[in-house]
N, C-alpha and C. Protein backbone atom coordinates (compact mmCIF):
# COMPACT_ATOMS: atom_id res chain seq x y z
N MET A 1 8.07 -35.95 34.43
CA MET A 1 8.67 -34.77 33.86
C MET A 1 7.95 -33.62 34.43
N MET A 2 8.65 -32.69 34.81
CA MET A 2 7.95 -31.44 35.35
C MET A 2 7.65 -30.50 34.24
N ARG A 3 6.44 -29.85 34.35
CA ARG A 3 6.00 -28.97 33.28
C ARG A 3 6.52 -27.52 33.69
N ARG A 4 6.97 -26.83 32.69
CA ARG A 4 7.67 -25.53 32.93
C ARG A 4 6.52 -24.43 32.96
N ARG A 5 6.44 -23.57 33.82
CA ARG A 5 5.37 -22.61 33.98
C ARG A 5 5.71 -21.52 33.04
N PRO A 6 4.68 -20.91 32.45
CA PRO A 6 5.04 -19.61 31.65
C PRO A 6 5.49 -18.40 32.51
N GLN A 7 6.49 -17.82 31.89
CA GLN A 7 7.15 -16.75 32.51
C GLN A 7 7.20 -15.60 31.63
N SER A 8 7.22 -14.23 32.36
CA SER A 8 7.35 -13.24 31.49
C SER A 8 8.81 -12.82 31.29
N ALA A 9 9.14 -11.72 30.63
CA ALA A 9 10.41 -11.44 30.22
C ALA A 9 11.29 -11.14 31.55
N ASN A 10 10.72 -10.52 32.57
CA ASN A 10 11.46 -10.36 33.79
C ASN A 10 11.68 -11.57 34.83
N GLY A 11 11.04 -12.77 34.38
CA GLY A 11 11.14 -13.87 35.11
C GLY A 11 9.86 -14.10 35.91
N ALA A 12 8.95 -13.34 36.00
CA ALA A 12 7.67 -13.62 36.67
C ALA A 12 6.79 -14.63 36.13
N ILE A 13 6.06 -15.42 36.83
CA ILE A 13 5.38 -16.50 36.37
C ILE A 13 4.11 -15.83 35.88
N MET A 14 3.61 -16.18 34.43
CA MET A 14 2.41 -15.68 33.99
C MET A 14 1.30 -16.82 34.06
N PRO A 15 0.19 -16.52 34.42
CA PRO A 15 -0.87 -17.49 34.56
C PRO A 15 -1.19 -17.87 33.00
N LEU A 16 -1.58 -19.21 32.78
CA LEU A 16 -2.00 -19.57 31.54
C LEU A 16 -3.27 -18.99 30.96
N PRO A 17 -4.26 -18.67 31.82
CA PRO A 17 -5.45 -18.11 31.23
C PRO A 17 -5.18 -16.67 30.69
N VAL A 18 -4.24 -15.83 31.30
CA VAL A 18 -3.73 -14.62 30.70
C VAL A 18 -3.36 -14.88 29.35
N ILE A 19 -2.62 -15.67 29.03
CA ILE A 19 -1.96 -16.00 27.87
C ILE A 19 -2.93 -16.40 26.74
N ALA A 20 -3.83 -17.36 27.26
CA ALA A 20 -4.96 -17.90 26.47
C ALA A 20 -5.89 -16.85 26.02
N ILE A 21 -6.10 -15.65 26.84
CA ILE A 21 -7.04 -14.72 26.49
C ILE A 21 -6.37 -13.56 25.72
N VAL A 22 -5.18 -13.14 26.22
CA VAL A 22 -4.66 -11.98 25.58
C VAL A 22 -4.10 -12.27 24.11
N LEU A 23 -3.52 -13.46 23.76
CA LEU A 23 -2.99 -13.61 22.53
C LEU A 23 -4.17 -13.82 21.50
N PRO A 24 -5.14 -14.46 21.73
CA PRO A 24 -6.17 -14.44 20.69
C PRO A 24 -6.92 -13.19 20.56
N LEU A 25 -7.03 -12.38 21.58
CA LEU A 25 -7.65 -10.99 21.47
C LEU A 25 -6.71 -10.15 20.65
N THR A 26 -5.53 -10.30 20.85
CA THR A 26 -4.36 -9.40 20.04
C THR A 26 -4.47 -9.79 18.73
N LEU A 27 -4.61 -11.11 18.27
CA LEU A 27 -4.77 -11.60 17.01
C LEU A 27 -5.93 -11.15 16.37
N LEU A 28 -7.05 -11.00 17.21
CA LEU A 28 -8.31 -10.54 16.58
C LEU A 28 -8.24 -9.12 16.18
N VAL A 29 -7.58 -8.24 17.11
CA VAL A 29 -7.50 -6.85 16.95
C VAL A 29 -6.46 -6.64 15.63
N VAL A 30 -5.50 -7.29 15.58
CA VAL A 30 -4.61 -7.22 14.44
C VAL A 30 -5.47 -7.65 13.10
N LEU A 31 -6.22 -8.72 13.11
CA LEU A 31 -6.97 -9.01 11.95
C LEU A 31 -7.87 -7.86 11.59
N VAL A 32 -8.59 -7.39 12.54
CA VAL A 32 -9.52 -6.34 12.11
C VAL A 32 -8.88 -4.98 11.67
N VAL A 33 -7.67 -4.63 12.27
CA VAL A 33 -6.95 -3.37 11.86
C VAL A 33 -6.47 -3.71 10.41
N VAL A 34 -5.85 -4.85 10.16
CA VAL A 34 -5.28 -5.07 8.81
C VAL A 34 -6.43 -5.10 7.67
N LEU A 35 -7.55 -5.73 8.06
CA LEU A 35 -8.43 -5.81 7.03
C LEU A 35 -9.13 -4.45 6.72
N PHE A 36 -9.39 -3.73 7.76
CA PHE A 36 -9.86 -2.30 7.60
C PHE A 36 -8.83 -1.41 6.84
N ALA A 37 -7.66 -1.60 7.15
CA ALA A 37 -6.58 -0.76 6.34
C ALA A 37 -6.62 -1.11 4.90
N ALA A 38 -6.71 -2.45 4.65
CA ALA A 38 -6.77 -2.81 3.20
C ALA A 38 -7.97 -2.49 2.59
N TYR A 39 -9.06 -2.58 3.35
CA TYR A 39 -10.31 -2.13 2.70
C TYR A 39 -10.28 -0.58 2.22
N ARG A 40 -9.80 0.30 3.26
CA ARG A 40 -9.67 1.64 2.86
C ARG A 40 -8.72 1.88 1.67
N ARG A 41 -7.53 1.27 1.63
CA ARG A 41 -6.52 1.37 0.70
C ARG A 41 -7.11 0.93 -0.75
N THR A 42 -7.86 -0.17 -0.83
CA THR A 42 -8.59 -0.74 -1.89
C THR A 42 -9.39 0.40 -2.45
N GLY A 43 -10.23 0.97 -1.53
CA GLY A 43 -11.27 1.96 -1.93
C GLY A 43 -10.57 3.18 -2.44
N ARG A 44 -9.49 3.63 -1.91
CA ARG A 44 -8.79 4.91 -2.42
C ARG A 44 -8.24 4.54 -3.72
N ALA A 45 -7.63 3.32 -3.91
CA ALA A 45 -6.99 2.98 -5.28
C ALA A 45 -8.22 2.87 -6.34
N ILE A 46 -9.32 2.38 -6.05
CA ILE A 46 -10.43 2.20 -6.87
C ILE A 46 -10.78 3.65 -7.29
N ASP A 47 -11.03 4.51 -6.26
CA ASP A 47 -11.41 5.92 -6.51
C ASP A 47 -10.46 6.71 -7.52
N ALA A 48 -9.19 6.38 -7.40
CA ALA A 48 -8.14 7.03 -8.20
C ALA A 48 -8.15 6.34 -9.63
N LEU A 49 -8.80 5.50 -9.92
CA LEU A 49 -8.87 4.92 -11.42
C LEU A 49 -9.18 5.86 -12.27
N ASP A 50 -8.61 5.95 -13.40
CA ASP A 50 -8.75 6.98 -14.40
C ASP A 50 -9.82 6.44 -15.57
N LEU A 51 -10.57 5.48 -15.18
CA LEU A 51 -11.54 5.01 -16.10
C LEU A 51 -12.95 5.94 -16.00
N PRO A 52 -13.44 6.37 -17.11
CA PRO A 52 -14.83 7.01 -16.98
C PRO A 52 -15.91 6.00 -16.89
N VAL A 53 -16.77 6.48 -15.98
CA VAL A 53 -17.97 5.59 -15.75
C VAL A 53 -19.07 6.30 -16.65
N ARG A 54 -19.74 5.33 -17.52
CA ARG A 54 -20.71 5.91 -18.33
C ARG A 54 -22.08 5.33 -17.71
N ALA A 55 -23.03 6.14 -17.55
CA ALA A 55 -24.28 5.97 -17.09
C ALA A 55 -25.40 6.49 -17.79
N ARG A 56 -26.62 5.98 -17.78
CA ARG A 56 -27.69 6.37 -18.46
C ARG A 56 -28.89 6.63 -17.50
N CYS A 57 -29.45 7.67 -17.53
CA CYS A 57 -30.60 8.14 -16.76
C CYS A 57 -31.81 7.30 -16.88
N GLY A 58 -32.37 6.88 -15.90
CA GLY A 58 -33.65 5.99 -16.06
C GLY A 58 -34.84 6.95 -16.29
N SER A 59 -34.88 8.26 -16.14
CA SER A 59 -36.03 9.06 -16.43
C SER A 59 -35.89 9.76 -17.86
N CYS A 60 -34.77 10.34 -18.09
CA CYS A 60 -34.79 11.18 -19.37
C CYS A 60 -34.03 10.32 -20.34
N GLY A 61 -33.26 9.25 -20.05
CA GLY A 61 -32.61 8.34 -21.02
C GLY A 61 -31.16 8.96 -21.53
N ARG A 62 -30.76 10.20 -21.06
CA ARG A 62 -29.64 10.68 -21.47
C ARG A 62 -28.41 10.07 -20.78
N GLU A 63 -27.28 9.94 -21.61
CA GLU A 63 -26.11 9.20 -21.08
C GLU A 63 -25.13 10.31 -20.49
N PHE A 64 -24.44 9.99 -19.40
CA PHE A 64 -23.43 10.97 -18.84
C PHE A 64 -22.28 10.28 -18.30
N GLU A 65 -21.18 10.97 -17.97
CA GLU A 65 -20.06 10.37 -17.42
C GLU A 65 -19.79 10.80 -16.01
N LEU A 66 -19.33 10.08 -15.15
CA LEU A 66 -19.00 10.35 -13.85
C LEU A 66 -17.62 9.68 -13.45
N THR A 67 -16.98 9.92 -12.14
CA THR A 67 -15.87 9.29 -11.88
C THR A 67 -16.18 8.12 -10.87
N MET A 68 -15.04 7.45 -10.73
CA MET A 68 -15.25 6.12 -10.04
C MET A 68 -15.56 6.64 -8.44
N ALA A 69 -15.04 7.71 -8.07
CA ALA A 69 -15.32 8.07 -6.59
C ALA A 69 -16.84 8.39 -6.60
N GLU A 70 -17.40 9.13 -7.51
CA GLU A 70 -18.77 9.53 -7.41
C GLU A 70 -19.63 8.20 -7.49
N LEU A 71 -19.29 7.22 -8.25
CA LEU A 71 -19.92 5.94 -8.30
C LEU A 71 -19.92 5.19 -7.02
N ARG A 72 -18.89 5.21 -6.39
CA ARG A 72 -18.73 4.42 -5.18
C ARG A 72 -19.27 5.13 -4.10
N HIS A 73 -19.63 6.42 -4.05
CA HIS A 73 -20.20 7.12 -2.96
C HIS A 73 -21.79 7.08 -3.14
N ALA A 74 -22.23 6.74 -4.16
CA ALA A 74 -23.74 6.58 -4.27
C ALA A 74 -23.92 5.11 -3.72
N HIS A 75 -24.58 5.17 -2.63
CA HIS A 75 -24.85 3.91 -1.81
C HIS A 75 -25.86 3.01 -2.41
N MET A 76 -27.00 3.45 -2.89
CA MET A 76 -28.08 2.56 -3.22
C MET A 76 -27.89 1.95 -4.41
N THR A 77 -27.97 0.53 -4.55
CA THR A 77 -27.53 -0.25 -5.70
C THR A 77 -28.66 -1.30 -6.08
N LYS A 78 -28.95 -1.40 -7.35
CA LYS A 78 -29.79 -2.33 -7.81
C LYS A 78 -29.27 -3.17 -9.01
N SER A 79 -29.14 -4.42 -8.93
CA SER A 79 -28.55 -5.19 -9.96
C SER A 79 -29.19 -6.52 -10.06
N VAL A 80 -28.84 -7.11 -11.35
CA VAL A 80 -29.24 -8.58 -11.73
C VAL A 80 -27.88 -9.09 -12.25
N SER A 81 -27.46 -10.21 -11.71
CA SER A 81 -26.22 -10.87 -11.98
C SER A 81 -26.30 -12.36 -12.04
N ARG A 82 -25.31 -12.79 -12.62
CA ARG A 82 -25.10 -14.35 -12.65
C ARG A 82 -23.73 -14.55 -12.07
N THR A 83 -23.60 -15.79 -11.50
CA THR A 83 -22.33 -16.15 -11.07
C THR A 83 -21.90 -17.37 -11.76
N ARG A 84 -20.56 -17.42 -12.05
CA ARG A 84 -19.99 -18.64 -12.66
C ARG A 84 -18.71 -19.05 -12.00
N THR A 85 -18.71 -20.29 -11.60
CA THR A 85 -17.41 -20.78 -10.86
C THR A 85 -16.66 -21.51 -11.81
N GLY A 86 -15.36 -21.22 -11.97
CA GLY A 86 -14.50 -21.85 -12.79
C GLY A 86 -13.04 -21.97 -12.34
N LEU A 87 -12.22 -22.86 -12.91
CA LEU A 87 -10.86 -22.99 -12.39
C LEU A 87 -9.99 -21.79 -12.93
N ARG A 88 -9.31 -21.04 -12.11
CA ARG A 88 -8.53 -20.01 -12.54
C ARG A 88 -7.20 -20.12 -11.75
N GLY A 89 -6.19 -20.69 -12.39
CA GLY A 89 -4.93 -21.08 -11.89
C GLY A 89 -5.02 -22.28 -11.05
N PRO A 90 -4.59 -22.19 -9.79
CA PRO A 90 -4.62 -23.37 -8.86
C PRO A 90 -5.99 -23.30 -8.02
N ALA A 91 -6.76 -22.30 -8.28
CA ALA A 91 -7.94 -22.09 -7.29
C ALA A 91 -9.20 -22.02 -7.98
N LEU A 92 -10.31 -22.22 -7.35
CA LEU A 92 -11.61 -22.32 -7.90
C LEU A 92 -12.05 -20.68 -7.69
N ALA A 93 -12.45 -20.01 -8.71
CA ALA A 93 -12.81 -18.71 -8.60
C ALA A 93 -14.38 -18.42 -9.10
N THR A 94 -15.10 -17.73 -8.35
CA THR A 94 -16.51 -17.41 -8.78
C THR A 94 -16.41 -15.95 -9.23
N THR A 95 -17.04 -15.88 -10.39
CA THR A 95 -17.04 -14.45 -11.07
C THR A 95 -18.57 -14.12 -11.23
N ARG A 96 -18.72 -12.77 -11.06
CA ARG A 96 -20.12 -12.27 -11.25
C ARG A 96 -20.22 -11.53 -12.50
N SER A 97 -21.20 -11.73 -13.33
CA SER A 97 -21.39 -10.99 -14.52
C SER A 97 -22.74 -10.37 -14.42
N PHE A 98 -22.69 -8.98 -14.56
CA PHE A 98 -23.98 -8.28 -14.44
C PHE A 98 -24.87 -8.00 -15.71
N SER A 99 -26.06 -8.48 -15.63
CA SER A 99 -26.90 -8.15 -16.74
C SER A 99 -27.27 -6.69 -16.66
N THR A 100 -27.64 -6.11 -15.43
CA THR A 100 -27.80 -4.78 -15.34
C THR A 100 -27.22 -4.38 -14.02
N PHE A 101 -26.84 -3.08 -14.00
CA PHE A 101 -26.32 -2.51 -12.65
C PHE A 101 -26.74 -1.12 -12.54
N GLN A 102 -27.48 -0.74 -11.62
CA GLN A 102 -28.01 0.48 -11.52
C GLN A 102 -27.70 1.12 -10.01
N LYS A 103 -27.38 2.34 -10.06
CA LYS A 103 -27.20 3.27 -8.80
C LYS A 103 -28.18 4.41 -8.86
N ARG A 104 -28.28 4.77 -7.70
CA ARG A 104 -29.20 6.06 -7.47
C ARG A 104 -28.23 7.25 -7.57
N LEU A 105 -28.40 7.97 -8.66
CA LEU A 105 -27.50 9.11 -9.00
C LEU A 105 -28.33 10.28 -9.43
N ARG A 106 -27.77 11.32 -9.39
CA ARG A 106 -28.44 12.66 -9.79
C ARG A 106 -28.06 12.94 -11.29
N CYS A 107 -29.06 12.87 -12.04
CA CYS A 107 -28.78 13.14 -13.54
C CYS A 107 -28.38 14.63 -13.83
N PRO A 108 -27.28 14.84 -14.52
CA PRO A 108 -26.89 16.32 -14.81
C PRO A 108 -27.93 16.87 -15.81
N ALA A 109 -28.59 16.08 -16.65
CA ALA A 109 -29.40 16.72 -17.66
C ALA A 109 -30.85 17.15 -17.05
N CYS A 110 -31.54 16.11 -16.29
CA CYS A 110 -32.83 16.48 -15.88
C CYS A 110 -32.78 16.89 -14.38
N GLY A 111 -31.75 16.61 -13.68
CA GLY A 111 -31.60 17.02 -12.25
C GLY A 111 -32.35 16.10 -11.25
N GLU A 112 -32.95 15.00 -11.83
CA GLU A 112 -33.54 14.09 -11.01
C GLU A 112 -32.66 13.09 -10.38
N ASN A 113 -33.00 12.67 -9.02
CA ASN A 113 -32.18 11.83 -8.39
C ASN A 113 -32.91 10.48 -8.42
N GLY A 114 -32.60 9.65 -9.55
CA GLY A 114 -33.17 8.45 -9.83
C GLY A 114 -32.19 7.36 -10.22
N TRP A 115 -32.66 6.29 -10.49
CA TRP A 115 -31.93 5.10 -10.85
C TRP A 115 -31.22 5.24 -12.25
N CYS A 116 -29.94 5.21 -12.28
CA CYS A 116 -29.17 5.37 -13.56
C CYS A 116 -28.32 3.97 -13.74
N GLU A 117 -28.68 3.49 -15.01
CA GLU A 117 -27.92 2.33 -15.39
C GLU A 117 -26.35 2.56 -15.63
N VAL A 118 -25.51 1.81 -14.96
CA VAL A 118 -24.02 1.97 -15.46
C VAL A 118 -23.73 1.02 -16.62
N LEU A 119 -23.37 1.56 -17.74
CA LEU A 119 -23.22 0.95 -19.04
C LEU A 119 -22.03 0.18 -19.16
N ASN A 120 -20.87 0.70 -18.58
CA ASN A 120 -19.71 -0.14 -18.69
C ASN A 120 -19.09 -0.81 -17.32
N ILE A 121 -20.03 -1.60 -16.83
CA ILE A 121 -19.87 -2.13 -15.45
C ILE A 121 -18.76 -3.21 -15.71
N GLY A 122 -18.69 -3.98 -16.67
CA GLY A 122 -17.84 -5.18 -16.93
C GLY A 122 -16.33 -4.67 -16.93
N GLU A 123 -16.05 -3.51 -17.57
CA GLU A 123 -14.77 -2.86 -17.66
C GLU A 123 -14.27 -2.40 -16.19
N LEU A 124 -15.30 -1.80 -15.53
CA LEU A 124 -15.08 -1.33 -14.22
C LEU A 124 -14.78 -2.43 -13.24
N GLN A 125 -15.58 -3.46 -13.40
CA GLN A 125 -15.43 -4.58 -12.45
C GLN A 125 -14.11 -5.25 -12.62
N SER A 126 -13.66 -5.51 -13.97
CA SER A 126 -12.30 -6.06 -14.06
C SER A 126 -11.12 -5.27 -13.66
N ALA A 127 -11.29 -3.97 -13.78
CA ALA A 127 -10.07 -3.03 -13.24
C ALA A 127 -10.22 -3.15 -11.76
N ALA A 128 -11.39 -3.04 -11.11
CA ALA A 128 -11.39 -2.92 -9.67
C ALA A 128 -11.08 -4.38 -9.06
N THR A 129 -11.30 -5.46 -9.74
CA THR A 129 -11.05 -6.82 -9.17
C THR A 129 -9.53 -6.88 -9.08
N GLY A 130 -8.69 -6.59 -9.89
CA GLY A 130 -7.24 -6.66 -10.00
C GLY A 130 -6.69 -5.84 -8.82
N ILE A 131 -7.27 -4.74 -8.51
CA ILE A 131 -6.76 -3.83 -7.42
C ILE A 131 -7.15 -4.52 -6.14
N ALA A 132 -8.41 -5.02 -6.05
CA ALA A 132 -8.82 -5.60 -4.84
C ALA A 132 -8.02 -6.88 -4.39
N VAL A 133 -7.74 -7.67 -5.49
CA VAL A 133 -7.01 -8.91 -5.11
C VAL A 133 -5.53 -8.52 -4.76
N ARG A 134 -4.93 -7.47 -5.28
CA ARG A 134 -3.55 -7.09 -4.98
C ARG A 134 -3.50 -6.59 -3.39
N TYR A 135 -4.37 -5.74 -3.12
CA TYR A 135 -4.43 -5.15 -1.67
C TYR A 135 -5.04 -6.23 -0.70
N MET A 136 -6.10 -7.07 -0.97
CA MET A 136 -6.51 -7.92 -0.09
C MET A 136 -5.45 -9.17 0.09
N GLY A 137 -4.84 -9.52 -1.10
CA GLY A 137 -3.71 -10.55 -0.96
C GLY A 137 -2.55 -10.15 -0.10
N GLY A 138 -2.27 -8.84 -0.20
CA GLY A 138 -1.15 -8.31 0.56
C GLY A 138 -1.53 -8.34 1.97
N ALA A 139 -2.88 -8.02 2.38
CA ALA A 139 -3.34 -8.09 3.75
C ALA A 139 -3.32 -9.49 4.37
N LEU A 140 -3.74 -10.45 3.38
CA LEU A 140 -3.61 -11.88 3.76
C LEU A 140 -2.25 -12.33 4.18
N ALA A 141 -1.29 -11.82 3.23
CA ALA A 141 0.14 -12.15 3.58
C ALA A 141 0.77 -11.51 4.84
N LEU A 142 0.24 -10.35 5.09
CA LEU A 142 0.63 -9.69 6.29
C LEU A 142 0.08 -10.33 7.63
N MET A 143 -1.19 -10.78 7.44
CA MET A 143 -1.94 -11.37 8.53
C MET A 143 -1.15 -12.97 8.88
N VAL A 144 -0.73 -13.49 7.83
CA VAL A 144 0.04 -14.72 8.09
C VAL A 144 1.44 -14.58 8.85
N VAL A 145 2.06 -13.48 8.44
CA VAL A 145 3.30 -13.10 8.96
C VAL A 145 3.08 -12.72 10.38
N LEU A 146 2.09 -11.91 10.67
CA LEU A 146 1.77 -11.62 12.01
C LEU A 146 1.27 -12.65 12.92
N GLY A 147 0.58 -13.61 12.27
CA GLY A 147 0.11 -14.77 13.00
C GLY A 147 1.34 -15.62 13.49
N PHE A 148 2.32 -15.76 12.62
CA PHE A 148 3.50 -16.54 12.99
C PHE A 148 4.20 -15.75 13.98
N ALA A 149 4.29 -14.41 13.92
CA ALA A 149 5.11 -13.65 15.02
C ALA A 149 4.46 -13.85 16.31
N LEU A 150 3.00 -13.72 16.33
CA LEU A 150 2.45 -13.99 17.65
C LEU A 150 2.51 -15.38 18.12
N SER A 151 2.57 -16.39 17.18
CA SER A 151 2.79 -17.75 17.64
C SER A 151 4.22 -17.80 18.35
N ALA A 152 5.19 -17.24 17.67
CA ALA A 152 6.46 -17.31 18.27
C ALA A 152 6.49 -16.70 19.64
N VAL A 153 5.84 -15.49 19.77
CA VAL A 153 5.68 -14.90 21.14
C VAL A 153 5.09 -15.79 22.09
N SER A 154 3.97 -16.36 21.70
CA SER A 154 3.32 -17.33 22.69
C SER A 154 4.27 -18.52 23.07
N ASP A 155 5.05 -18.89 22.03
CA ASP A 155 6.00 -20.04 22.48
C ASP A 155 6.96 -19.59 23.46
N ILE A 156 7.39 -18.26 23.48
CA ILE A 156 8.31 -17.89 24.37
C ILE A 156 7.69 -17.85 25.80
N PHE A 157 6.61 -17.59 25.89
CA PHE A 157 5.87 -17.51 27.28
C PHE A 157 5.38 -18.83 27.79
N LEU A 158 5.11 -19.72 26.82
CA LEU A 158 4.65 -21.00 27.12
C LEU A 158 5.78 -22.01 27.26
């Protein structure tokens, strides 16, 4: 039985190494773009949450409120947490529960840029987890569809 050679749309024969290199690279680029877009959309949705963030200054002890966007843009974090794995629906899910969660923030009372403990981290985490699961689940579904589409394209040329 004679093996059919890969051909392009105009009938020209395409070498197999080109297909073997181009399609996985295309899939990798699609993967990176979809995950980056989902990460950005998740961040914007979490920033838009209307939940107040309550924090306590480590220096003066005063409590103050800030927005989710202000909390997310403070990059330095210090935390103590425990993880617990349990059955949630058909899958095993690992959840983190924070004993303490601190961010390096500027206190509006004393003006010091120090470690401030976030007091309502459990509430914020549960709200952000739902958003992240929704956007990243959509990205996963999109990647599966695009993977099948690229597989169909590769079958045309092989």
